[in-house]
N, C-alpha and C. Protein backbone atom coordinates (compact mmCIF):
# COMPACT_ATOMS: atom_id res chain seq x y z
N MET A 1 108.53 85.66 130.96
CA MET A 1 109.43 86.27 129.81
C MET A 1 109.83 85.31 128.39
N THR A 2 109.72 86.31 127.06
CA THR A 2 109.94 85.20 125.90
C THR A 2 111.15 85.05 125.76
N THR A 3 111.12 83.68 125.53
CA THR A 3 112.43 83.51 125.01
C THR A 3 112.91 83.97 123.91
N LEU A 4 114.01 84.16 122.81
CA LEU A 4 114.39 84.49 121.34
C LEU A 4 113.83 83.52 120.46
N PRO A 5 114.06 81.77 121.17
CA PRO A 5 113.01 80.90 120.24
C PRO A 5 112.35 81.46 120.05
N ASP A 6 111.31 81.67 121.51
CA ASP A 6 109.66 81.90 121.29
C ASP A 6 109.54 83.04 120.29
N LEU A 7 110.21 84.40 120.36
CA LEU A 7 110.06 85.30 119.90
C LEU A 7 110.04 85.20 118.07
N ILE A 8 111.40 84.36 117.79
CA ILE A 8 111.21 84.33 116.54
C ILE A 8 110.31 83.10 116.06
N ALA A 9 110.16 82.55 116.58
CA ALA A 9 108.32 81.66 116.60
C ALA A 9 107.48 82.56 115.84
N GLU A 10 106.97 83.50 117.22
CA GLU A 10 105.91 84.42 117.19
C GLU A 10 106.41 85.59 115.75
N LEU A 11 107.23 85.92 115.56
CA LEU A 11 107.31 86.67 114.55
C LEU A 11 107.07 85.64 113.05
N HIS A 12 107.72 84.64 113.07
CA HIS A 12 106.92 84.12 111.54
C HIS A 12 105.55 83.86 111.74
N ALA A 13 104.95 83.48 112.71
CA ALA A 13 103.65 83.24 112.74
C ALA A 13 102.96 84.49 112.39
N GLN A 14 103.51 85.64 112.86
CA GLN A 14 102.61 86.92 112.63
C GLN A 14 102.89 86.88 110.96
N GLU A 15 103.55 86.95 110.06
CA GLU A 15 103.93 87.06 108.77
C GLU A 15 102.90 86.06 108.39
N GLN A 16 102.51 84.81 108.90
CA GLN A 16 101.80 84.01 108.28
C GLN A 16 100.22 84.30 108.07
N ARG A 17 100.00 84.79 109.43
CA ARG A 17 98.83 85.15 110.06
C ARG A 17 98.27 86.43 109.00
N LEU A 18 99.20 87.66 109.01
CA LEU A 18 99.43 89.30 108.95
C LEU A 18 99.14 89.32 107.04
N GLN A 19 98.42 88.58 106.16
CA GLN A 19 98.36 88.55 105.13
C GLN A 19 97.59 89.39 104.44
N PHE A 20 97.12 89.93 103.22
CA PHE A 20 96.19 90.59 102.69
C PHE A 20 95.75 89.59 101.55
N ALA A 21 94.36 90.22 101.13
CA ALA A 21 93.77 89.15 99.66
C ALA A 21 94.39 89.94 98.61
N ARG A 22 94.58 90.91 98.94
CA ARG A 22 94.90 92.04 98.06
C ARG A 22 95.18 93.56 98.95
N PHE A 23 95.96 94.29 98.19
CA PHE A 23 96.74 95.92 98.97
C PHE A 23 96.43 96.83 97.22
N THR A 24 95.97 97.57 97.53
CA THR A 24 95.86 98.74 96.59
C THR A 24 96.23 100.09 97.47
N HIS A 25 96.40 101.01 96.67
CA HIS A 25 96.71 102.55 96.93
C HIS A 25 95.77 103.01 98.41
N THR A 26 94.45 102.77 97.83
CA THR A 26 93.31 102.87 99.25
C THR A 26 93.99 102.03 100.38
N ASP A 27 93.97 100.64 100.09
CA ASP A 27 94.46 99.91 101.65
C ASP A 27 95.50 100.73 102.24
N ALA A 28 96.38 100.92 101.47
CA ALA A 28 98.03 101.99 102.19
C ALA A 28 96.98 102.96 102.68
N TRP A 29 96.55 103.83 101.92
CA TRP A 29 95.95 105.03 102.46
C TRP A 29 95.56 104.86 103.91
N GLU A 30 94.75 103.57 103.78
CA GLU A 30 93.65 103.73 105.00
C GLU A 30 94.26 103.07 106.39
N LEU A 31 95.32 102.05 106.23
CA LEU A 31 96.76 101.54 107.03
C LEU A 31 97.38 103.09 107.14
N GLY A 32 97.66 103.65 106.67
CA GLY A 32 98.61 104.57 107.01
C GLY A 32 97.71 105.57 108.18
N LEU A 33 96.50 105.87 107.82
CA LEU A 33 95.69 106.69 108.72
C LEU A 33 95.52 105.92 109.93
N SER A 34 95.53 104.83 109.53
CA SER A 34 95.18 104.00 111.31
C SER A 34 96.38 104.05 112.08
N LEU A 35 97.34 103.77 111.03
CA LEU A 35 98.87 104.31 112.14
C LEU A 35 99.26 105.31 112.25
N VAL A 36 98.53 106.55 112.18
CA VAL A 36 98.24 108.14 112.65
C VAL A 36 97.17 108.09 113.59
N GLU A 37 96.34 107.51 113.57
CA GLU A 37 95.24 107.48 114.70
C GLU A 37 95.84 106.87 116.19
N LEU A 38 96.16 105.48 115.96
CA LEU A 38 97.07 105.42 117.02
C LEU A 38 98.19 105.73 117.90
N ALA A 39 99.19 105.91 116.74
CA ALA A 39 100.06 107.22 117.47
C ALA A 39 99.94 108.49 118.09
N THR A 40 98.92 108.86 117.14
CA THR A 40 98.39 110.58 118.03
C THR A 40 97.61 110.51 119.55
N ALA A 41 96.64 109.29 119.33
CA ALA A 41 95.94 108.59 120.65
C ALA A 41 96.77 108.67 121.43
N ARG A 42 98.19 108.50 120.84
CA ARG A 42 99.03 107.78 122.58
C ARG A 42 100.37 108.54 122.64
N GLY A 43 100.03 109.51 121.70
CA GLY A 43 100.89 110.78 121.73
C GLY A 43 102.57 110.30 121.53
N LEU A 44 102.42 109.19 120.14
CA LEU A 44 104.08 108.87 120.28
C LEU A 44 104.19 109.83 118.68
N GLY A 45 105.55 110.31 119.00
CA GLY A 45 106.10 110.57 118.11
C GLY A 45 107.14 110.03 116.93
N VAL A 46 106.47 109.44 115.80
CA VAL A 46 106.69 108.51 114.61
C VAL A 46 106.67 109.16 113.72
N THR A 47 107.70 108.08 112.65
CA THR A 47 107.47 108.37 111.45
C THR A 47 106.96 106.92 110.92
N ILE A 48 105.68 107.31 110.07
CA ILE A 48 105.16 106.36 108.90
C ILE A 48 105.16 106.33 107.82
N ASP A 49 105.97 105.23 107.65
CA ASP A 49 105.71 105.10 105.67
C ASP A 49 104.90 103.84 105.28
N ILE A 50 104.55 103.87 104.25
CA ILE A 50 104.26 102.98 103.71
C ILE A 50 103.86 102.46 101.73
N THR A 51 104.78 101.43 101.40
CA THR A 51 105.64 101.54 100.28
C THR A 51 104.11 100.52 99.76
N ARG A 52 104.11 100.66 98.00
CA ARG A 52 103.31 99.24 97.48
C ARG A 52 104.15 99.42 96.06
N GLY A 53 105.18 98.11 96.01
CA GLY A 53 105.83 98.27 95.24
C GLY A 53 107.43 98.75 95.57
N TYR A 54 107.58 99.46 94.56
CA TYR A 54 108.97 100.67 94.86
C TYR A 54 108.58 102.29 95.14
N GLN A 55 106.71 102.04 95.17
CA GLN A 55 106.66 103.30 95.43
C GLN A 55 106.41 103.95 97.18
N GLN A 56 106.54 104.84 97.47
CA GLN A 56 106.16 105.34 98.60
C GLN A 56 104.59 106.08 98.55
N VAL A 57 103.62 105.39 99.14
CA VAL A 57 101.89 105.82 98.73
C VAL A 57 101.36 106.13 100.31
N PHE A 58 102.22 106.37 101.21
CA PHE A 58 101.66 106.83 102.39
C PHE A 58 103.14 107.34 103.34
N HIS A 59 103.45 108.84 103.95
CA HIS A 59 104.36 109.02 104.59
C HIS A 59 103.71 110.24 105.95
N ALA A 60 103.72 110.17 106.90
CA ALA A 60 103.66 111.07 107.93
C ALA A 60 104.90 111.17 108.84
N ALA A 61 105.52 112.19 108.96
CA ALA A 61 106.20 112.40 110.21
C ALA A 61 105.71 113.45 111.30
N LEU A 62 105.21 112.54 112.52
CA LEU A 62 104.56 113.19 113.23
C LEU A 62 105.14 113.66 114.39
N PRO A 63 105.13 114.78 114.78
CA PRO A 63 105.39 116.14 116.33
C PRO A 63 106.25 115.01 117.42
N GLY A 64 107.62 115.42 117.17
CA GLY A 64 108.50 114.66 117.85
C GLY A 64 110.16 113.66 117.27
N THR A 65 109.39 114.03 115.88
CA THR A 65 110.33 113.40 114.82
C THR A 65 111.16 114.16 114.18
N THR A 66 112.34 113.69 113.43
CA THR A 66 113.35 114.02 112.98
C THR A 66 114.10 113.46 111.37
N PRO A 67 114.79 114.00 110.96
CA PRO A 67 115.10 113.82 109.75
C PRO A 67 115.70 112.38 110.09
N ASP A 68 116.48 111.70 111.02
CA ASP A 68 117.36 110.45 111.24
C ASP A 68 115.58 109.29 111.23
N ASN A 69 114.62 110.06 111.61
CA ASN A 69 113.49 108.79 111.31
C ASN A 69 113.64 107.93 110.17
N ASP A 70 113.58 108.95 109.02
CA ASP A 70 113.49 108.70 107.76
C ASP A 70 114.64 108.41 107.28
N ASP A 71 115.99 108.19 107.68
CA ASP A 71 116.90 107.24 107.31
C ASP A 71 116.56 106.24 107.83
N TRP A 72 115.71 105.62 109.25
CA TRP A 72 116.04 104.88 109.93
C TRP A 72 115.02 103.79 108.95
N VAL A 73 113.75 104.64 108.16
CA VAL A 73 113.06 104.23 107.78
C VAL A 73 113.46 103.08 106.14
N ALA A 74 114.00 104.35 105.74
CA ALA A 74 114.93 104.07 104.28
C ALA A 74 115.75 102.62 104.80
N ARG A 75 116.52 102.56 105.58
CA ARG A 75 117.22 101.49 106.18
C ARG A 75 116.30 100.12 106.69
N LYS A 76 115.20 99.90 107.40
CA LYS A 76 115.05 98.96 107.42
C LYS A 76 114.54 99.01 106.33
N VAL A 77 113.35 99.61 105.39
CA VAL A 77 112.86 99.00 104.08
C VAL A 77 113.61 98.32 103.25
N ARG A 78 114.82 98.26 102.88
CA ARG A 78 115.46 98.01 102.01
C ARG A 78 115.86 96.33 103.02
N THR A 79 116.15 96.45 104.22
CA THR A 79 116.22 95.15 105.08
C THR A 79 114.95 94.13 104.75
N VAL A 80 113.85 94.86 104.61
CA VAL A 80 113.01 93.65 104.27
C VAL A 80 112.64 92.94 103.08
N ARG A 81 112.98 94.50 102.19
CA ARG A 81 113.01 94.37 100.74
C ARG A 81 113.86 93.06 100.28
N ARG A 82 114.99 93.03 100.82
CA ARG A 82 116.67 91.97 100.62
C ARG A 82 116.17 91.21 101.35
N PHE A 83 115.49 90.77 102.46
CA PHE A 83 115.43 89.41 102.83
C PHE A 83 113.59 88.94 102.91
N GLY A 84 112.76 89.74 102.56
CA GLY A 84 111.57 89.14 102.50
C GLY A 84 110.72 88.90 104.52
N HIS A 85 111.15 89.84 105.20
CA HIS A 85 110.84 89.23 106.54
C HIS A 85 110.67 90.34 107.06
N SER A 86 110.25 90.61 108.02
CA SER A 86 110.60 91.80 108.83
C SER A 86 111.85 92.02 109.00
N SER A 87 111.58 93.07 109.74
CA SER A 87 113.31 93.62 110.07
C SER A 87 113.33 92.96 111.43
N PHE A 88 112.10 93.31 112.23
CA PHE A 88 112.80 92.54 113.67
C PHE A 88 113.03 91.16 113.66
N LEU A 89 112.37 90.54 112.66
CA LEU A 89 112.53 88.94 112.42
C LEU A 89 114.23 89.02 112.04
N VAL A 90 114.35 89.77 111.30
CA VAL A 90 115.81 89.26 110.37
C VAL A 90 116.16 89.98 111.70
N GLY A 91 116.46 90.82 112.92
CA GLY A 91 117.43 91.16 113.84
C GLY A 91 117.41 90.21 114.95
N ARG A 92 116.27 89.79 115.04
CA ARG A 92 116.12 88.24 116.18
C ARG A 92 116.62 87.38 115.97
N SER A 93 116.68 87.33 114.31
CA SER A 93 117.18 85.90 113.78
C SER A 93 118.94 86.06 113.73
N HIS A 94 119.25 87.39 113.86
CA HIS A 94 120.66 87.48 113.86
C HIS A 94 121.23 87.47 115.38
N ALA A 95 120.28 88.10 116.21
CA ALA A 95 120.93 87.78 117.73
C ALA A 95 120.66 86.39 117.89
N ALA A 96 119.95 85.76 117.49
CA ALA A 96 120.19 84.30 118.43
C ALA A 96 121.82 83.22 117.43
N ASN A 97 122.02 83.88 116.77
CA ASN A 97 123.41 83.35 116.39
C ASN A 97 124.41 84.30 116.53
N ASN A 98 124.15 84.87 117.75
CA ASN A 98 125.08 86.12 118.38
C ASN A 98 126.08 86.66 117.51
N THR A 99 125.40 87.55 116.30
CA THR A 99 125.84 88.62 115.00
C THR A 99 124.42 89.46 115.01
N ASP A 100 124.88 90.40 114.04
CA ASP A 100 123.69 91.69 113.71
C ASP A 100 124.06 91.08 111.92
N LEU A 101 122.81 91.78 111.49
CA LEU A 101 122.97 91.54 110.16
C LEU A 101 123.65 92.60 109.30
N ASN A 102 124.50 93.63 110.05
CA ASN A 102 125.42 93.97 109.24
C ASN A 102 127.00 93.31 109.05
N THR A 103 126.99 92.88 110.67
CA THR A 103 128.50 91.91 110.22
C THR A 103 128.12 90.63 109.92
N ALA A 104 126.82 89.63 109.86
CA ALA A 104 126.70 88.90 109.11
C ALA A 104 126.67 88.48 107.46
N THR A 105 126.49 89.95 107.26
CA THR A 105 126.44 89.80 105.76
C THR A 105 127.06 90.66 104.59
N GLY A 106 127.81 91.73 105.52
CA GLY A 106 128.72 92.43 105.15
C GLY A 106 128.16 93.80 104.78
N LEU A 107 126.53 93.40 104.86
CA LEU A 107 125.88 94.81 104.15
C LEU A 107 125.91 96.38 104.58
N PRO A 108 126.58 97.31 104.80
CA PRO A 108 126.60 98.66 105.29
C PRO A 108 125.14 98.94 105.84
N ALA A 109 125.98 99.34 107.26
CA ALA A 109 124.60 99.86 108.47
C ALA A 109 124.27 101.15 107.54
N ALA A 110 124.91 102.38 106.89
CA ALA A 110 124.45 103.09 106.45
C ALA A 110 123.40 102.72 105.80
N LEU A 111 122.80 101.49 105.25
CA LEU A 111 121.77 101.34 103.76
C LEU A 111 121.25 100.47 104.79
N TYR A 112 121.23 99.56 105.66
CA TYR A 112 120.53 98.25 105.88
C TYR A 112 120.69 97.91 107.52
N SER A 113 119.50 98.40 107.84
CA SER A 113 118.96 98.26 109.48
C SER A 113 118.26 96.81 109.52
N ASP A 114 118.67 95.71 110.74
CA ASP A 114 118.15 94.67 111.09
C ASP A 114 117.40 95.25 112.60
N HIS A 115 117.19 96.45 112.67
CA HIS A 115 115.91 96.79 114.13
C HIS A 115 114.48 97.35 113.54
N GLY A 116 113.54 96.35 114.52
CA GLY A 116 112.47 96.38 113.94
C GLY A 116 111.73 97.67 113.76
N GLY A 117 110.61 97.45 113.38
CA GLY A 117 109.29 98.80 112.98
C GLY A 117 109.01 98.40 111.92
N CYS A 118 109.73 97.98 110.38
CA CYS A 118 109.35 97.62 108.95
C CYS A 118 108.74 95.98 108.63
N PHE A 119 107.18 95.74 108.45
CA PHE A 119 106.78 94.69 108.08
C PHE A 119 106.70 94.62 106.54
N PRO A 120 106.96 93.20 106.10
CA PRO A 120 106.53 93.13 104.21
C PRO A 120 104.43 93.14 104.48
N VAL A 121 104.40 94.01 103.46
CA VAL A 121 103.06 93.91 103.13
C VAL A 121 102.73 92.62 102.52
N LEU A 122 102.23 91.86 102.90
CA LEU A 122 102.15 90.10 102.25
C LEU A 122 100.69 90.17 101.35
N VAL A 123 101.08 89.91 100.39
CA VAL A 123 99.08 89.42 99.98
C VAL A 123 99.36 87.79 99.64
N ARG A 124 98.42 87.22 100.07
CA ARG A 124 98.13 85.97 100.19
C ARG A 124 98.27 85.19 99.01
N ASP A 125 98.93 83.95 98.97
CA ASP A 125 99.48 83.41 97.35
C ASP A 125 100.27 84.05 96.54
N VAL A 126 100.53 85.43 96.82
CA VAL A 126 101.80 86.68 95.82
C VAL A 126 102.69 86.34 97.00
N GLY A 127 102.77 87.20 97.80
CA GLY A 127 104.06 87.20 98.82
C GLY A 127 104.11 89.11 99.09
N PRO A 128 105.40 89.30 99.17
CA PRO A 128 105.97 90.53 99.25
C PRO A 128 105.41 91.40 98.64
N VAL A 129 104.34 92.95 98.95
CA VAL A 129 104.17 93.47 97.34
C VAL A 129 104.48 95.05 98.16
N GLY A 130 104.86 95.22 99.32
CA GLY A 130 105.13 96.24 99.90
C GLY A 130 105.94 96.20 101.13
N THR A 131 105.62 97.31 101.57
CA THR A 131 105.93 97.90 103.11
C THR A 131 105.48 98.69 103.96
N VAL A 132 105.75 98.14 105.66
CA VAL A 132 104.74 99.38 106.42
C VAL A 132 105.86 99.29 107.20
N THR A 133 106.18 100.48 107.57
CA THR A 133 107.50 101.12 108.98
C THR A 133 106.79 101.68 109.75
N VAL A 134 107.54 101.88 110.79
CA VAL A 134 107.58 102.94 112.22
C VAL A 134 108.58 102.85 112.11
N SER A 135 108.83 104.30 113.13
CA SER A 135 110.42 104.69 112.95
C SER A 135 110.19 105.26 113.99
N GLY A 136 110.94 105.74 115.79
CA GLY A 136 110.47 106.75 116.48
C GLY A 136 110.87 105.92 117.69
N LEU A 137 110.12 104.69 117.91
CA LEU A 137 110.37 103.91 118.96
C LEU A 137 111.12 102.72 119.72
N PRO A 138 111.77 102.51 120.49
CA PRO A 138 112.34 101.19 120.57
C PRO A 138 111.81 100.12 119.98
N GLN A 139 112.51 99.17 119.27
CA GLN A 139 112.22 98.40 118.06
C GLN A 139 111.49 97.51 117.99
N ALA A 140 111.16 97.05 119.23
CA ALA A 140 109.69 96.24 119.67
C ALA A 140 108.94 96.68 119.53
N ASP A 141 108.69 97.92 120.35
CA ASP A 141 107.66 98.81 120.53
C ASP A 141 107.19 99.38 118.74
N ASP A 142 108.21 99.73 118.15
CA ASP A 142 108.18 100.07 116.35
C ASP A 142 107.21 98.65 115.81
N HIS A 143 107.75 97.66 116.20
CA HIS A 143 107.23 96.44 115.31
C HIS A 143 105.73 96.15 115.83
N ALA A 144 105.42 96.36 117.19
CA ALA A 144 104.09 95.83 117.87
C ALA A 144 102.84 97.01 117.00
N LEU A 145 103.55 98.03 117.02
CA LEU A 145 102.45 99.17 116.37
C LEU A 145 102.20 99.03 115.10
N VAL A 146 102.88 98.63 114.10
CA VAL A 146 102.67 98.06 112.89
C VAL A 146 101.68 96.67 112.99
N VAL A 147 102.25 95.52 114.24
CA VAL A 147 101.10 94.95 113.91
C VAL A 147 99.69 94.61 114.36
N GLU A 148 99.82 96.03 115.69
CA GLU A 148 98.57 96.33 115.61
C GLU A 148 97.85 97.04 114.59
N ALA A 149 98.38 97.41 114.18
CA ALA A 149 97.51 98.44 112.54
C ALA A 149 97.30 97.31 111.56
N LEU A 150 98.12 96.28 111.67
CA LEU A 150 97.90 95.55 110.25
C LEU A 150 96.51 94.48 111.15
N GLU A 151 96.07 94.32 112.25
CA GLU A 151 95.34 93.21 112.50
C GLU A 151 93.88 94.20 112.26
N LEU A 152 94.55 95.19 112.94
CA LEU A 152 92.98 96.13 112.37
C LEU A 152 92.18 96.33 111.29
N ALA A 153 93.55 96.70 110.31
CA ALA A 153 92.98 96.59 108.69
C ALA A 153 92.48 95.37 108.48
N LEU A 154 93.50 93.97 109.05
CA LEU A 154 92.62 92.74 108.07
C LEU A 154 91.42 92.34 108.89
N SER A 155 91.32 92.96 110.02
CA SER A 155 89.61 92.53 110.67
C SER A 155 88.39 93.20 110.05
N ARG A 156 88.70 94.17 109.15
CA ARG A 156 88.10 94.93 108.61
C ARG A 156 87.03 94.12 107.93
């Protein structure tokens, strides 16, 4: 079983490893389609959202999702934009300190969530340029699906 400190180290390593040379609208579209294909093949009811800057460039709500998933997406995206790290890393870092994002920062839970599933789109030597988010599964699974799709996109 992975310890919380080991998981946090792995989440940091993912952010260092999963960086694009560039990220265009076409890249966002292809990443989104890849996520839809992965989720559909596995019968997963998830909402997928990709932004470039503050523009939503891909959004898909697969069967089994509800408007609540869109709310979760928005809350996770705000967290990643504010802290520059994956929502799972933000949440696990707070958990390591026996707290949560909303208690530790005073940010409203109605607007911010540190549940996994949103990852910063990172461009090497630039930093965060957008977000990729999945909502509908347990938080570690949302995060893992995003990471899997990023790994596929960056291996092409």
